[in-house]
C-alpha atoms as a PDB file:
ATOM      1  CA  MET A   1      12.883  60.672 -14.966  1.00  0.00           C
ATOM      2  CA  GLU A   2      12.675  57.086 -15.333  1.00  0.00           C
ATOM      3  CA  THR A   3       9.479  55.342 -14.225  1.00  0.00           C
ATOM      4  CA  VAL A   4       9.473  52.823 -10.971  1.00  0.00           C
ATOM      5  CA  GLU A   5       9.201  49.890 -13.963  1.00  0.00           C
ATOM      6  CA  GLU A   6      12.211  50.818 -15.964  1.00  0.00           C
ATOM      7  CA  ILE A   7      14.002  51.415 -12.546  1.00  0.00           C
ATOM      8  CA  LEU A   8      13.383  47.810 -11.941  1.00  0.00           C
ATOM      9  CA  ILE A   9      14.112  46.227 -15.571  1.00  0.00           C
ATOM     10  CA  GLN A  10      17.532  48.647 -15.033  1.00  0.00           C
ATOM     11  CA  TYR A  11      18.065  46.948 -11.676  1.00  0.00           C
ATOM     12  CA  GLN A  12      17.621  43.022 -13.097  1.00  0.00           C
ATOM     13  CA  THR A  13      19.987  43.738 -16.053  1.00  0.00           C
ATOM     14  CA  ILE A  14      22.248  45.321 -13.567  1.00  0.00           C
ATOM     15  CA  LEU A  15      22.032  42.530 -11.072  1.00  0.00           C
ATOM     16  CA  SER A  16      22.360  39.800 -14.136  1.00  0.00           C
ATOM     17  CA  LEU A  17      22.058  36.768 -12.764  1.00  0.00           C
ATOM     18  CA  GLU A  18      21.982  34.865 -16.106  1.00  0.00           C
ATOM     19  CA  ASN A  19      25.542  33.582 -16.021  1.00  0.00           C
ATOM     20  CA  ASP A  20      25.836  32.501 -12.863  1.00  0.00           C
ATOM     21  CA  GLY A  21      22.901  29.985 -13.608  1.00  0.00           C
ATOM     22  CA  PHE A  22      19.411  31.698 -13.332  1.00  0.00           C
ATOM     23  CA  VAL A  23      16.665  31.994 -15.435  1.00  0.00           C
ATOM     24  CA  MET A  24      13.960  34.215 -14.853  1.00  0.00           C
ATOM     25  CA  TYR A  25      10.491  33.042 -13.922  1.00  0.00           C
ATOM     26  CA  GLU A  26       8.115  35.772 -12.597  1.00  0.00           C
ATOM     27  CA  PHE A  27       8.501  39.284 -13.896  1.00  0.00           C
ATOM     28  CA  ASN A  28       5.658  41.063 -12.220  1.00  0.00           C
ATOM     29  CA  ILE A  29       5.588  44.829 -13.019  1.00  0.00           C
ATOM     30  CA  THR A  30       2.428  45.116 -11.115  1.00  0.00           C
ATOM     31  CA  HIS A  31       3.906  44.015  -7.572  1.00  0.00           C
ATOM     32  CA  LEU A  32       7.055  45.699  -8.484  1.00  0.00           C
ATOM     33  CA  ASN A  33       9.239  42.305  -8.332  1.00  0.00           C
ATOM     34  CA  TYR A  34      10.818  39.710  -9.726  1.00  0.00           C
ATOM     35  CA  TYR A  35      12.109  35.784  -9.496  1.00  0.00           C
ATOM     36  CA  LEU A  36      14.925  34.050 -10.461  1.00  0.00           C
ATOM     37  CA  THR A  37      15.857  30.462  -9.925  1.00  0.00           C
ATOM     38  CA  SER A  38      18.641  27.823 -11.127  1.00  0.00           C
ATOM     39  CA  GLU A  39      18.030  24.251 -11.279  1.00  0.00           C
ATOM     40  CA  LYS A  40      21.620  23.524 -10.957  1.00  0.00           C
ATOM     41  CA  THR A  41      21.735  24.807  -6.952  1.00  0.00           C
ATOM     42  CA  LYS A  42      17.826  23.933  -6.653  1.00  0.00           C
ATOM     43  CA  SER A  43      17.804  27.871  -5.529  1.00  0.00           C
ATOM     44  CA  VAL A  44      14.625  30.206  -5.704  1.00  0.00           C
ATOM     45  CA  LEU A  45      15.865  34.285  -5.436  1.00  0.00           C
ATOM     46  CA  GLY A  46      13.251  37.325  -5.327  1.00  0.00           C
ATOM     47  CA  PHE A  47      13.894  40.981  -5.231  1.00  0.00           C
ATOM     48  CA  GLY A  48      11.305  43.697  -4.899  1.00  0.00           C
ATOM     49  CA  ILE A  49      11.272  47.627  -5.033  1.00  0.00           C
ATOM     50  CA  ASN A  50       8.129  50.031  -3.484  1.00  0.00           C
ATOM     51  CA  LYS A  51       6.497  52.809  -5.096  1.00  0.00           C
ATOM     52  CA  GLU A  52       6.105  55.965  -2.366  1.00  0.00           C
ATOM     53  CA  PHE A  53       3.444  58.504  -3.685  1.00  0.00           C
ATOM     54  CA  ARG A  54       3.782  61.633  -1.697  1.00  0.00           C
ATOM     55  CA  GLY A  55       2.166  64.774  -1.048  1.00  0.00           C
ATOM     56  CA  GLY A  56      -1.372  64.301   0.069  1.00  0.00           C
ATOM     57  CA  ASP A  57      -4.216  61.055  -0.204  1.00  0.00           C
ATOM     58  CA  GLY A  58      -4.949  61.334  -3.759  1.00  0.00           C
ATOM     59  CA  PRO A  59      -3.532  60.226  -6.896  1.00  0.00           C
ATOM     60  CA  SER A  60       0.028  61.598  -7.634  1.00  0.00           C
ATOM     61  CA  LEU A  61       2.837  61.657 -10.197  1.00  0.00           C
ATOM     62  CA  ASP A  62       5.190  62.871  -7.636  1.00  0.00           C
ATOM     63  CA  TYR A  63       6.505  59.338  -5.810  1.00  0.00           C
ATOM     64  CA  ALA A  64       9.710  57.907  -4.540  1.00  0.00           C
ATOM     65  CA  VAL A  65      10.810  53.960  -5.493  1.00  0.00           C
ATOM     66  CA  ARG A  66      12.913  52.403  -2.546  1.00  0.00           C
ATOM     67  CA  TYR A  67      14.720  48.973  -2.417  1.00  0.00           C
ATOM     68  CA  SER A  68      12.019  46.720  -0.651  1.00  0.00           C
ATOM     69  CA  GLY A  69      13.584  43.679   0.422  1.00  0.00           C
ATOM     70  CA  PHE A  70      14.504  40.042  -1.330  1.00  0.00           C
ATOM     71  CA  SER A  71      13.738  36.729  -0.491  1.00  0.00           C
ATOM     72  CA  ALA A  72      15.451  33.449  -1.011  1.00  0.00           C
ATOM     73  CA  GLY A  73      14.456  29.709  -0.987  1.00  0.00           C
ATOM     74  CA  VAL A  74      15.942  26.511  -1.732  1.00  0.00           C
ATOM     75  CA  TYR A  75      13.287  24.410  -4.188  1.00  0.00           C
ATOM     76  CA  HIS A  76      13.264  20.544  -4.284  1.00  0.00           C
ATOM     77  CA  GLU A  77      11.117  19.573  -6.807  1.00  0.00           C
ATOM     78  CA  ALA A  78      10.298  16.234  -6.060  1.00  0.00           C
ATOM     79  CA  VAL A  79       8.844  17.705  -3.082  1.00  0.00           C
ATOM     80  CA  GLU A  80       6.723  20.432  -4.504  1.00  0.00           C
ATOM     81  CA  ASN A  81       5.801  18.289  -7.889  1.00  0.00           C
ATOM     82  CA  LEU A  82       3.309  16.312  -5.275  1.00  0.00           C
ATOM     83  CA  LEU A  83       2.583  18.868  -3.147  1.00  0.00           C
ATOM     84  CA  ILE A  84       1.508  22.236  -5.021  1.00  0.00           C
ATOM     85  CA  PRO A  85      -0.876  20.487  -7.235  1.00  0.00           C
ATOM     86  CA  LEU A  86      -2.844  19.251  -4.165  1.00  0.00           C
ATOM     87  CA  VAL A  87      -2.705  22.025  -2.426  1.00  0.00           C
ATOM     88  CA  GLU A  88      -4.212  24.326  -5.285  1.00  0.00           C
ATOM     89  CA  LYS A  89      -6.678  21.993  -5.613  1.00  0.00           C
ATOM     90  CA  HIS A  90      -8.141  21.359  -2.003  1.00  0.00           C
ATOM     91  CA  LEU A  91      -7.169  24.608  -0.569  1.00  0.00           C
ATOM     92  CA  SER A  92      -7.642  27.225  -3.464  1.00  0.00           C
ATOM     93  CA  MET A  93      -4.217  28.455  -3.162  1.00  0.00           C
ATOM     94  CA  ASN A  94      -2.446  29.537  -6.810  1.00  0.00           C
ATOM     95  CA  TYR A  95       0.964  29.112  -7.032  1.00  0.00           C
ATOM     96  CA  GLY A  96       1.195  30.720 -10.584  1.00  0.00           C
ATOM     97  CA  GLU A  97       2.150  28.564 -13.806  1.00  0.00           C
ATOM     98  CA  LEU A  98       5.335  27.863 -13.234  1.00  0.00           C
ATOM     99  CA  LYS A  99       4.482  26.476  -9.582  1.00  0.00           C
ATOM    100  CA  ILE A 100       7.592  27.597  -8.018  1.00  0.00           C
ATOM    101  CA  THR A 101       7.727  28.126  -4.004  1.00  0.00           C
ATOM    102  CA  HIS A 102      10.896  27.742  -1.523  1.00  0.00           C
ATOM    103  CA  THR A 103      11.096  24.197  -0.207  1.00  0.00           C
ATOM    104  CA  ILE A 104      12.690  25.619   2.485  1.00  0.00           C
ATOM    105  CA  PRO A 105      13.034  29.591   2.837  1.00  0.00           C
ATOM    106  CA  PHE A 106      16.038  31.542   3.437  1.00  0.00           C
ATOM    107  CA  ASN A 107      14.964  32.991   7.046  1.00  0.00           C
ATOM    108  CA  LEU A 108      16.343  33.814  10.763  1.00  0.00           C
ATOM    109  CA  THR A 109      15.999  29.405  11.445  1.00  0.00           C
ATOM    110  CA  THR A 110      17.646  28.126   8.436  1.00  0.00           C
ATOM    111  CA  GLY A 111      20.842  30.531   7.668  1.00  0.00           C
ATOM    112  CA  ASN A 112      22.650  34.557   8.478  1.00  0.00           C
ATOM    113  CA  PHE A 113      19.330  35.949   7.241  1.00  0.00           C
ATOM    114  CA  LEU A 114      19.684  38.870   9.622  1.00  0.00           C
ATOM    115  CA  ALA A 115      22.938  40.001   8.965  1.00  0.00           C
ATOM    116  CA  ALA A 116      22.203  40.284   4.740  1.00  0.00           C
ATOM    117  CA  TRP A 117      18.820  42.019   5.624  1.00  0.00           C
ATOM    118  CA  GLU A 118      20.342  44.484   7.812  1.00  0.00           C
ATOM    119  CA  ALA A 119      23.424  44.981   5.015  1.00  0.00           C
ATOM    120  CA  MET A 120      20.219  45.702   2.613  1.00  0.00           C
ATOM    121  CA  ASN A 121      18.031  47.426   4.326  1.00  0.00           C
ATOM    122  CA  THR A 122      21.263  50.229   4.253  1.00  0.00           C
ATOM    123  CA  PHE A 123      19.173  51.670   0.854  1.00  0.00           C
ATOM    124  CA  ALA A 124      15.889  51.430   2.138  1.00  0.00           C
ATOM    125  CA  ALA A 125      16.011  55.101   2.540  1.00  0.00           C
ATOM    126  CA  ILE A 126      17.143  55.923  -0.633  1.00  0.00           C
ATOM    127  CA  ASP A 127      15.047  57.314  -3.512  1.00  0.00           C
ATOM    128  CA  LEU A 128      16.277  55.040  -6.542  1.00  0.00           C
ATOM    129  CA  ARG A 129      14.265  57.479  -9.034  1.00  0.00           C
ATOM    130  CA  ASN A 130      17.071  60.710  -8.083  1.00  0.00           C
ATOM    131  CA  ASN A 131      19.635  58.450  -7.531  1.00  0.00           C
ATOM    132  CA  LEU A 132      19.910  55.807 -10.737  1.00  0.00           C
ATOM    133  CA  SER A 133      23.718  55.339  -9.764  1.00  0.00           C
ATOM    134  CA  THR A 134      22.993  53.909  -6.350  1.00  0.00           C
ATOM    135  CA  LEU A 135      21.352  50.800  -8.734  1.00  0.00           C
ATOM    136  CA  GLN A 136      25.242  49.249  -9.406  1.00  0.00           C
ATOM    137  CA  GLU A 137      25.703  49.696  -5.525  1.00  0.00           C
ATOM    138  CA  LEU A 138      22.460  48.063  -4.586  1.00  0.00           C
ATOM    139  CA  ALA A 139      23.237  45.542  -7.202  1.00  0.00           C
ATOM    140  CA  GLU A 140      27.159  44.664  -5.637  1.00  0.00           C
ATOM    141  CA  MET A 141      25.644  44.444  -2.286  1.00  0.00           C
ATOM    142  CA  PHE A 142      23.396  42.090  -3.056  1.00  0.00           C
ATOM    143  CA  ARG A 143      26.048  39.645  -4.896  1.00  0.00           C
ATOM    144  CA  LYS A 144      27.959  40.379  -1.811  1.00  0.00           C
ATOM    145  CA  GLN A 145      25.124  39.120   0.304  1.00  0.00           C
ATOM    146  CA  ILE A 146      24.454  36.000  -2.367  1.00  0.00           C
ATOM    147  CA  THR A 147      28.317  35.717  -1.811  1.00  0.00           C
ATOM    148  CA  LEU A 148      28.296  35.243   1.705  1.00  0.00           C
ATOM    149  CA  HIS A 149      25.249  34.177   3.321  1.00  0.00           C
ATOM    150  CA  ILE A 150      23.065  32.702   0.907  1.00  0.00           C
ATOM    151  CA  GLU A 151      25.467  30.967  -1.065  1.00  0.00           C
ATOM    152  CA  PRO A 152      26.038  28.793   1.865  1.00  0.00           C
ATOM    153  CA  PHE A 153      22.415  28.123   2.301  1.00  0.00           C
ATOM    154  CA  TRP A 154      21.812  27.014  -1.044  1.00  0.00           C
ATOM    155  CA  ARG A 155      24.469  24.172  -0.976  1.00  0.00           C
ATOM    156  CA  GLN A 156      23.482  22.945   2.879  1.00  0.00           C
ATOM    157  CA  TYR A 157      20.030  22.886   1.625  1.00  0.00           C
ATOM    158  CA  ALA A 158      20.163  21.440  -2.199  1.00  0.00           C
ATOM    159  CA  ASP A 159      20.591  17.661  -0.401  1.00  0.00           C
ATOM    160  CA  LEU A 160      17.130  16.753   0.169  1.00  0.00           C
ATOM    161  CA  GLN A 161      18.550  13.682   2.198  1.00  0.00           C
ATOM    162  CA  PHE A 162      20.888  16.222   4.581  1.00  0.00           C
ATOM    163  CA  ILE A 163      17.231  18.174   5.449  1.00  0.00           C
ATOM    164  CA  ASN A 164      15.591  14.405   6.129  1.00  0.00           C
ATOM    165  CA  ASN A 165      18.650  13.852   8.596  1.00  0.00           C
ATOM    166  CA  GLU A 166      19.333  17.278   9.741  1.00  0.00           C
ATOM    167  CA  ILE A 167      15.827  18.431  10.052  1.00  0.00           C
ATOM    168  CA  ILE A 168      13.207  15.672   9.674  1.00  0.00           C
ATOM    169  CA  ASP A 169      14.979  13.535  11.788  1.00  0.00           C
ATOM    170  CA  LYS A 170      16.154  16.460  14.663  1.00  0.00           C
ATOM    171  CA  VAL A 171      13.192  19.105  14.702  1.00  0.00           C
ATOM    172  CA  HIS A 172       9.828  18.766  16.409  1.00  0.00           C
ATOM    173  CA  ASP A 173       6.913  19.011  15.366  1.00  0.00           C
ATOM    174  CA  ASP A 174       6.016  22.183  16.827  1.00  0.00           C
ATOM    175  CA  ASP A 175       9.341  24.286  15.276  1.00  0.00           C
ATOM    176  CA  LEU A 176       9.208  22.449  11.737  1.00  0.00           C
ATOM    177  CA  GLY A 177       7.430  25.714  10.273  1.00  0.00           C
ATOM    178  CA  ASN A 178      10.772  27.829  11.416  1.00  0.00           C
ATOM    179  CA  TYR A 179      12.387  25.591   8.883  1.00  0.00           C
ATOM    180  CA  LEU A 180       9.992  24.028   6.094  1.00  0.00           C
ATOM    181  CA  GLY A 181       7.818  27.397   5.873  1.00  0.00           C
ATOM    182  CA  GLY A 182       4.250  26.773   5.347  1.00  0.00           C
ATOM    183  CA  MET A 183       2.420  23.416   4.494  1.00  0.00           C
ATOM    184  CA  ALA A 184       5.126  22.092   6.495  1.00  0.00           C
ATOM    185  CA  PRO A 185       3.720  18.362   7.717  1.00  0.00           C
ATOM    186  CA  PHE A 186       2.514  17.855   4.311  1.00  0.00           C
ATOM    187  CA  LYS A 187       6.321  18.518   3.645  1.00  0.00           C
ATOM    188  CA  LYS A 188       7.820  16.780   5.665  1.00  0.00           C
ATOM    189  CA  LEU A 189       5.560  13.410   5.046  1.00  0.00           C
ATOM    190  CA  ILE A 190       6.772  14.023   1.095  1.00  0.00           C
ATOM    191  CA  ILE A 191      10.503  14.403   2.643  1.00  0.00           C
ATOM    192  CA  MET A 192      10.344  11.006   4.784  1.00  0.00           C
ATOM    193  CA  LYS A 193       8.914   8.779   2.167  1.00  0.00           C
ATOM    194  CA  LEU A 194      11.199   9.892  -0.935  1.00  0.00           C
ATOM    195  CA  CYS A 195      13.958   9.595   1.571  1.00  0.00           C
ATOM    196  CA  ASN A 196      13.371   5.712   2.782  1.00  0.00           C
ATOM    197  CA  ASN A 197      13.352   7.719   6.533  1.00  0.00           C
ATOM    198  CA  ALA A 198      12.111   4.757   8.893  1.00  0.00           C
ATOM    199  CA  GLY A 199       9.363   6.482  11.100  1.00  0.00           C
ATOM    200  CA  TYR A 200       7.359   7.611   7.718  1.00  0.00           C
ATOM    201  CA  ASP A 201       4.624   5.208   8.720  1.00  0.00           C
ATOM    202  CA  GLY A 202       4.374   5.966  12.123  1.00  0.00           C
ATOM    203  CA  PHE A 203       4.423   9.720  11.153  1.00  0.00           C
ATOM    204  CA  SER A 204       1.767   9.449   8.701  1.00  0.00           C
ATOM    205  CA  GLU A 205      -0.307   7.174  10.545  1.00  0.00           C
ATOM    206  CA  SER A 206      -0.841   9.563  13.365  1.00  0.00           C
ATOM    207  CA  TYR A 207      -0.870  12.938  11.788  1.00  0.00           C
ATOM    208  CA  GLN A 208      -3.952  11.630   9.301  1.00  0.00           C
ATOM    209  CA  SER A 209      -5.338  10.258  12.496  1.00  0.00           C
ATOM    210  CA  ARG A 210      -5.414  13.924  14.332  1.00  0.00           C
ATOM    211  CA  ILE A 211      -6.323  15.866  10.964  1.00  0.00           C
ATOM    212  CA  ALA A 212      -9.204  13.201  10.986  1.00  0.00           C
ATOM    213  CA  LYS A 213      -9.829  13.130  14.870  1.00  0.00           C
ATOM    214  CA  ALA A 214     -10.905  16.850  14.324  1.00  0.00           C
ATOM    215  CA  VAL A 215     -13.087  16.919  11.696  1.00  0.00           C
ATOM    216  CA  ILE A 216     -15.018  13.860  12.610  1.00  0.00           C
ATOM    217  CA  GLU A 217     -15.053  14.000  16.632  1.00  0.00           C
ATOM    218  CA  GLN A 218     -14.754  17.444  17.229  1.00  0.00           C
ATOM    219  CA  GLY A 219     -16.520  18.421  14.298  1.00  0.00           C
ATOM    220  CA  ARG A 220     -14.207  21.158  13.290  1.00  0.00           C
ATOM    221  CA  ASP A 221     -14.802  21.557   8.681  1.00  0.00           C
ATOM    222  CA  GLU A 222     -12.186  23.796   8.472  1.00  0.00           C
ATOM    223  CA  TYR A 223     -10.254  20.759   8.354  1.00  0.00           C
ATOM    224  CA  VAL A 224     -12.268  19.027   6.092  1.00  0.00           C
ATOM    225  CA  PRO A 225      -9.977  20.264   3.055  1.00  0.00           C
ATOM    226  CA  TYR A 226      -6.553  19.270   4.780  1.00  0.00           C
ATOM    227  CA  LEU A 227      -7.494  15.915   5.875  1.00  0.00           C
ATOM    228  CA  ASN A 228      -8.845  15.480   2.030  1.00  0.00           C
ATOM    229  CA  LEU A 229      -5.414  16.581   1.244  1.00  0.00           C
ATOM    230  CA  VAL A 230      -3.715  14.490   3.053  1.00  0.00           C
ATOM    231  CA  ASN A 231      -5.922  11.107   2.360  1.00  0.00           C
ATOM    232  CA  GLU A 232      -4.750  12.276  -1.891  1.00  0.00           C
ATOM    233  CA  LEU A 233      -0.810  12.798  -0.454  1.00  0.00           C
ATOM    234  CA  MET A 234      -0.927   9.537   1.137  1.00  0.00           C
ATOM    235  CA  VAL A 235      -2.330   7.898  -1.651  1.00  0.00           C
ATOM    236  CA  SER A 236      -0.085   9.246  -4.317  1.00  0.00           C
ATOM    237  CA  LEU A 237       3.320   8.464  -1.929  1.00  0.00           C
ATOM    238  CA  ASP A 238       2.342   4.918  -1.570  1.00  0.00           C
ATOM    239  CA  SER A 239       2.218   4.394  -5.004  1.00  0.00           C
ATOM    240  CA  ILE A 240       6.254   5.442  -5.019  1.00  0.00           C
END
C-alpha cells in the first residue's frame, strides 16, 4: 500500500500543470502539501492532503489519507519584493527561500471560492490509500475548478492597476483585509505608490501617524515593529 508521501507525489504527477506554465516552488512532505506558481499569470496554487491515524491515541501504522484543501492567489513580485524582506526583518516572519505569498488571496470576497471549495470537498471523506483510482477523479475535479473559478480570478487580479482602481480606491480600509489578506495597509501603500495613486501622500501620512500615536502617546510597545516597518517602507517608496 502506498505511503502518504507517495500518494501526494502521484497526485501532483496526475494533475500535471507544468504544461500550463506552472513550476513547482515548494513540495513539503512534512506538511503534506505543495505549491505551484506561474510567472505568466502571476498565479499561485497550493494543494494538500492529511494523514489521519486510526485506533487509539498511540503511534499507529493504521491511517487514512484524505484530501485536506487547496489555496490560490495572485502574486505581484513588485509588491512582495518590497514588503517581504521588511516583514521578515521587523516582524520576525519567515516566508521561506523563494518568498512567494499571496498579494491577493482567492477567497469568499475576491472570487467564487465557495463553489470551488464545496466541489472539491466532496472528496474529503474518501481514504485515498484504499481508493488510488480516485486520485484521477480528484485531479480532474481540481482542474475543472481551476478553469471555472480560479482562472477568472487570476486573470482579473493579475493587473495591478485593476487592483488599484477597484480595491484600493473603492474598498474601505476596515474591509481591505478581506481583499488583500495579511499586511493589507502595507500592501495598499505599495500599490498606491506603484500605480501613482493621487491619494498616496494622504494615506501614507495618516497611517504612519496612527501607528506613531499608538507607540508614543499610548505606550503600545507592541506596535514598535510596525512603526519601524512603515518608516523603512516609506523610505524605500520615496526612492521609486
